[in-house]
Amino acid sequence: MSRPPKSKLPHLVVLEALAPLSPEVRRMFSGFAVYAGNRLLLMLRDHAKFPQDNGLWLVLAEGVDPADAGLRRDLPSLRSIQMLGDKIGHWLLIPSDSADFETTALHACDLILRRDPRIGRVPQSRR
């Protein structure tokens, strides 16, 4: 697992759960992007600016509806990211201040490990 130097990674339990994928972690905006191969899976964020958007930012695959009922059933605390507004709909948040954050984040990791086709995408920069 690659880690950026001199940076405090939040929500390490997520990276530990994804260890079988040998994830690559890179700084991204105000958080840490997590890749498996060329696929961007999620971002981990714990930042003083917009604290309501701290937690696990999940990246949806192309063509997946953010309002997908099955996804909402699997990850009930999933919501839109307020600081993004309506600009980027394929990123959704599991907020770190939710009572079930760790349980839901680990369930998201389990879906990723099982290669759930709704999660992750290859960004333009890696195509």
Protein backbone atom coordinates (compact mmCIF):
# COMPACT_ATOMS: atom_id res chain seq x y z
CA MET A 1 0.00 0.00 0.00
CA SER A 2 1.57 3.29 -1.04
CA ARG A 3 1.14 6.25 1.29
CA PRO A 4 1.87 9.92 0.76
CA PRO A 5 4.68 11.15 3.03
CA LYS A 6 4.16 13.77 5.73
CA SER A 7 0.39 13.38 5.67
CA LYS A 8 -2.07 12.15 8.21
CA LEU A 9 -4.41 9.69 6.59
CA PRO A 10 -7.90 9.68 8.10
CA HIS A 11 -10.09 6.63 8.53
CA LEU A 12 -7.26 4.09 8.42
CA VAL A 13 -9.72 1.27 9.05
CA VAL A 14 -10.84 1.71 5.42
CA LEU A 15 -7.31 1.26 4.08
CA GLU A 16 -6.77 -1.75 6.31
CA ALA A 17 -9.96 -3.34 4.97
CA LEU A 18 -8.87 -2.69 1.37
CA ALA A 19 -5.33 -4.03 1.92
CA PRO A 20 -5.95 -7.18 -0.20
CA LEU A 21 -6.23 -4.85 -3.23
CA SER A 22 -2.84 -3.21 -2.50
CA PRO A 23 -4.45 0.23 -2.83
CA GLU A 24 -2.54 3.26 -3.99
CA VAL A 25 -3.20 6.40 -1.94
CA ARG A 26 -2.64 9.85 -3.44
CA ARG A 27 -3.38 13.37 -2.27
CA MET A 28 -6.50 14.73 -3.94
CA PHE A 29 -7.99 18.13 -3.21
CA SER A 30 -8.67 18.13 0.53
CA GLY A 31 -8.32 14.40 1.05
CA PHE A 32 -6.70 11.17 -0.08
CA ALA A 33 -7.79 9.31 -3.20
CA VAL A 34 -7.70 5.52 -3.06
CA TYR A 35 -7.06 3.58 -6.27
CA ALA A 36 -6.94 -0.12 -7.09
CA GLY A 37 -5.00 -0.37 -10.32
CA ASN A 38 -6.33 2.40 -12.56
CA ARG A 39 -9.71 2.55 -10.83
CA LEU A 40 -10.48 5.40 -8.48
CA LEU A 41 -12.59 3.87 -5.73
CA LEU A 42 -13.00 6.50 -3.05
CA MET A 43 -11.53 9.44 -1.23
CA LEU A 44 -10.92 9.73 2.50
CA ARG A 45 -11.44 13.19 3.92
CA ASP A 46 -11.04 14.84 7.33
CA HIS A 47 -10.58 18.56 6.81
CA ALA A 48 -11.50 21.70 8.76
CA LYS A 49 -13.15 23.27 5.71
CA PHE A 50 -16.64 21.89 5.09
CA PRO A 51 -16.49 19.41 8.00
CA GLN A 52 -20.00 18.22 7.12
CA ASP A 53 -18.40 16.57 4.08
CA ASN A 54 -15.77 14.61 5.99
CA GLY A 55 -15.79 10.85 5.70
CA LEU A 56 -15.62 8.41 2.81
CA TRP A 57 -16.35 9.82 -0.64
CA LEU A 58 -17.47 6.89 -2.77
CA VAL A 59 -16.96 7.03 -6.55
CA LEU A 60 -19.77 5.52 -8.59
CA ALA A 61 -19.13 3.71 -11.85
CA GLU A 62 -20.18 5.34 -15.10
CA GLY A 63 -23.88 4.92 -15.72
CA VAL A 64 -24.80 4.25 -12.08
CA ASP A 65 -27.66 6.43 -10.87
CA PRO A 66 -26.75 8.13 -7.57
CA ALA A 67 -30.35 7.55 -6.48
CA ASP A 68 -30.09 3.77 -7.11
CA ALA A 69 -32.39 2.09 -4.56
CA GLY A 70 -30.11 -0.93 -4.15
CA LEU A 71 -27.12 1.26 -3.40
CA ARG A 72 -29.14 3.24 -0.86
CA ARG A 73 -30.31 -0.02 0.72
CA ASP A 74 -26.72 -1.31 0.94
CA LEU A 75 -25.34 1.98 2.28
CA PRO A 76 -28.22 3.82 4.00
CA SER A 77 -26.20 6.81 5.26
CA LEU A 78 -24.96 7.60 1.74
CA ARG A 79 -25.74 11.18 0.68
CA SER A 80 -24.61 13.85 -1.75
CA ILE A 81 -21.53 15.93 -1.00
CA GLN A 82 -22.68 19.42 -0.06
CA MET A 83 -19.54 21.29 -1.10
CA LEU A 84 -19.84 19.86 -4.64
CA GLY A 85 -23.44 20.97 -5.06
CA ASP A 86 -24.93 19.46 -8.21
CA LYS A 87 -21.65 19.67 -10.13
CA ILE A 88 -20.41 16.11 -9.61
CA GLY A 89 -23.14 13.54 -9.05
CA HIS A 90 -21.05 10.37 -9.23
CA TRP A 91 -19.34 11.09 -5.88
CA LEU A 92 -21.38 10.30 -2.77
CA LEU A 93 -20.53 10.59 0.91
CA ILE A 94 -20.65 8.29 3.88
CA PRO A 95 -20.35 11.04 6.51
CA SER A 96 -17.87 10.46 9.31
CA ASP A 97 -20.22 12.06 11.83
CA SER A 98 -22.95 9.46 11.22
CA ALA A 99 -23.52 7.02 14.09
CA ASP A 100 -22.79 4.03 11.85
CA PHE A 101 -19.82 5.47 9.93
CA GLU A 102 -17.34 2.68 10.55
CA THR A 103 -19.86 -0.10 9.96
CA THR A 104 -21.10 1.48 6.73
CA ALA A 105 -17.58 2.31 5.53
CA LEU A 106 -16.50 -1.29 6.11
CA HIS A 107 -19.56 -2.53 4.26
CA ALA A 108 -18.57 -0.28 1.33
CA CYS A 109 -15.10 -1.86 1.48
CA ASP A 110 -16.68 -5.30 1.40
CA LEU A 111 -18.63 -4.32 -1.73
CA ILE A 112 -15.40 -3.08 -3.31
CA LEU A 113 -13.54 -6.29 -2.41
CA ARG A 114 -16.37 -8.26 -4.02
CA ARG A 115 -15.89 -6.09 -7.12
CA ASP A 116 -19.32 -4.50 -6.99
CA PRO A 117 -19.78 -3.01 -10.50
CA ARG A 118 -21.47 0.11 -9.10
CA ILE A 119 -18.30 1.36 -7.41
CA GLY A 120 -15.18 2.84 -8.97
CA ARG A 121 -14.19 4.27 -12.32
CA VAL A 122 -11.08 4.92 -14.35
CA PRO A 123 -10.55 8.70 -14.37
CA GLN A 124 -9.59 10.54 -17.56
CA SER A 125 -6.05 11.04 -16.27
CA ARG A 126 -5.48 7.25 -16.15
CA ARG A 127 -7.03 6.25 -19.47
